Amino acid sequence: MRVQCETSLRIADEYNVRKYTKQRLELLELEMKSLFENDKVKQKGLSDFM
């Protein structure tokens, strides 16, 4: 799945797709990453939000 996301983003860049479509692809990639990473292990400090 990760390969398809990278390929889709590359093709979107090459063919100058609409900004909305590219943003949706980027959001999809972030959602995919969040599925496979354990968010509980990552601890954030207050400085991460500034």
N, C-alpha and C. Protein backbone atom coordinates (compact mmCIF):
# COMPACT_ATOMS: atom_id res chain seq x y z
N MET A 1 0.81 -1.19 0.00
CA MET A 1 0.00 0.00 0.00
C MET A 1 0.86 1.26 0.00
N ARG A 2 1.95 1.20 0.72
CA ARG A 2 2.82 2.36 0.82
C ARG A 2 3.41 2.74 -0.54
N VAL A 3 3.73 1.72 -1.34
CA VAL A 3 4.30 1.97 -2.67
C VAL A 3 3.28 2.67 -3.55
N GLN A 4 2.02 2.27 -3.46
CA GLN A 4 0.98 2.89 -4.26
C GLN A 4 0.80 4.36 -3.89
N CYS A 5 0.90 4.68 -2.60
CA CYS A 5 0.77 6.07 -2.17
C CYS A 5 1.91 6.92 -2.74
N GLU A 6 3.12 6.40 -2.66
CA GLU A 6 4.27 7.13 -3.19
C GLU A 6 4.15 7.32 -4.70
N THR A 7 3.71 6.28 -5.39
CA THR A 7 3.54 6.36 -6.83
C THR A 7 2.45 7.36 -7.19
N SER A 8 1.36 7.34 -6.46
CA SER A 8 0.26 8.28 -6.72
C SER A 8 0.72 9.72 -6.54
N LEU A 9 1.48 9.99 -5.50
CA LEU A 9 1.98 11.35 -5.28
C LEU A 9 2.95 11.77 -6.38
N ARG A 10 3.79 10.85 -6.81
CA ARG A 10 4.73 11.16 -7.89
C ARG A 10 3.99 11.49 -9.19
N ILE A 11 3.00 10.68 -9.50
CA ILE A 11 2.21 10.92 -10.71
C ILE A 11 1.45 12.23 -10.60
N ALA A 12 0.93 12.53 -9.43
CA ALA A 12 0.22 13.80 -9.22
C ALA A 12 1.15 14.98 -9.48
N ASP A 13 2.40 14.86 -9.08
CA ASP A 13 3.37 15.93 -9.34
C ASP A 13 3.68 16.04 -10.84
N GLU A 14 3.87 14.90 -11.47
CA GLU A 14 4.23 14.90 -12.89
C GLU A 14 3.14 15.49 -13.78
N TYR A 15 1.88 15.19 -13.45
CA TYR A 15 0.78 15.59 -14.31
C TYR A 15 0.01 16.81 -13.79
N ASN A 16 0.57 17.47 -12.79
CA ASN A 16 -0.01 18.70 -12.26
C ASN A 16 -1.52 18.58 -12.00
N VAL A 17 -1.86 17.59 -11.18
CA VAL A 17 -3.27 17.43 -10.83
C VAL A 17 -3.73 18.57 -9.93
N ARG A 18 -5.04 18.69 -9.76
CA ARG A 18 -5.57 19.77 -8.93
C ARG A 18 -4.99 19.70 -7.51
N LYS A 19 -4.87 20.85 -6.89
CA LYS A 19 -4.31 20.94 -5.55
C LYS A 19 -5.11 20.11 -4.56
N TYR A 20 -6.44 20.14 -4.71
CA TYR A 20 -7.31 19.36 -3.82
C TYR A 20 -6.98 17.88 -3.90
N THR A 21 -6.81 17.35 -5.10
CA THR A 21 -6.52 15.93 -5.28
C THR A 21 -5.19 15.57 -4.65
N LYS A 22 -4.20 16.43 -4.83
CA LYS A 22 -2.88 16.16 -4.24
C LYS A 22 -2.95 16.20 -2.71
N GLN A 23 -3.72 17.14 -2.17
CA GLN A 23 -3.88 17.20 -0.71
C GLN A 23 -4.55 15.95 -0.18
N ARG A 24 -5.55 15.44 -0.90
CA ARG A 24 -6.22 14.20 -0.49
C ARG A 24 -5.25 13.03 -0.48
N LEU A 25 -4.38 12.97 -1.49
CA LEU A 25 -3.38 11.91 -1.54
C LEU A 25 -2.41 12.02 -0.38
N GLU A 26 -2.01 13.24 -0.04
CA GLU A 26 -1.10 13.45 1.09
C GLU A 26 -1.76 13.05 2.40
N LEU A 27 -3.04 13.38 2.56
CA LEU A 27 -3.77 12.98 3.77
C LEU A 27 -3.90 11.47 3.85
N LEU A 28 -4.14 10.84 2.72
CA LEU A 28 -4.23 9.39 2.69
C LEU A 28 -2.92 8.76 3.12
N GLU A 29 -1.82 9.33 2.66
CA GLU A 29 -0.50 8.82 3.05
C GLU A 29 -0.29 8.95 4.56
N LEU A 30 -0.68 10.09 5.13
CA LEU A 30 -0.55 10.27 6.58
C LEU A 30 -1.42 9.29 7.35
N GLU A 31 -2.62 9.05 6.85
CA GLU A 31 -3.51 8.09 7.50
C GLU A 31 -2.93 6.68 7.44
N MET A 32 -2.33 6.34 6.33
CA MET A 32 -1.71 5.02 6.20
C MET A 32 -0.55 4.87 7.18
N LYS A 33 0.25 5.92 7.30
CA LYS A 33 1.37 5.86 8.24
C LYS A 33 0.88 5.69 9.67
N SER A 34 -0.22 6.36 10.01
CA SER A 34 -0.73 6.27 11.38
C SER A 34 -1.27 4.88 11.69
N LEU A 35 -1.70 4.15 10.68
CA LEU A 35 -2.18 2.79 10.90
C LEU A 35 -1.06 1.84 11.27
N PHE A 36 0.12 2.07 10.70
CA PHE A 36 1.23 1.14 10.89
C PHE A 36 2.23 1.57 11.95
N GLU A 37 2.06 2.76 12.51
CA GLU A 37 2.96 3.21 13.57
C GLU A 37 2.21 3.20 14.88
N ASN A 38 2.93 2.89 15.94
CA ASN A 38 2.32 2.86 17.26
C ASN A 38 2.42 4.25 17.87
N ASP A 39 1.31 4.97 17.93
CA ASP A 39 1.29 6.33 18.45
C ASP A 39 1.50 6.39 19.96
N LYS A 40 1.17 5.31 20.66
CA LYS A 40 1.31 5.32 22.11
C LYS A 40 2.76 5.34 22.55
N VAL A 41 3.65 4.83 21.72
CA VAL A 41 5.07 4.77 22.07
C VAL A 41 5.71 6.15 21.99
N LYS A 42 5.19 6.98 21.13
CA LYS A 42 5.78 8.31 20.93
C LYS A 42 5.27 9.27 22.00
N GLN A 43 6.19 9.81 22.76
CA GLN A 43 5.83 10.78 23.78
C GLN A 43 6.23 12.16 23.29
N LYS A 44 5.33 13.10 23.43
CA LYS A 44 5.58 14.45 22.96
C LYS A 44 5.65 15.40 24.14
N GLY A 45 6.47 16.41 23.97
CA GLY A 45 6.57 17.45 24.98
C GLY A 45 5.85 18.71 24.52
N LEU A 46 5.72 19.65 25.39
CA LEU A 46 5.03 20.89 25.08
C LEU A 46 5.71 21.62 23.92
N SER A 47 7.03 21.54 23.84
CA SER A 47 7.77 22.23 22.77
C SER A 47 7.44 21.68 21.39
N ASP A 48 6.93 20.46 21.30
CA ASP A 48 6.55 19.89 20.00
C ASP A 48 5.36 20.62 19.38
N PHE A 49 4.59 21.31 20.18
CA PHE A 49 3.40 21.99 19.69
C PHE A 49 3.60 23.48 19.48
N MET A 50 4.79 23.97 19.68
CA MET A 50 5.05 25.40 19.51
C MET A 50 5.83 25.66 18.26
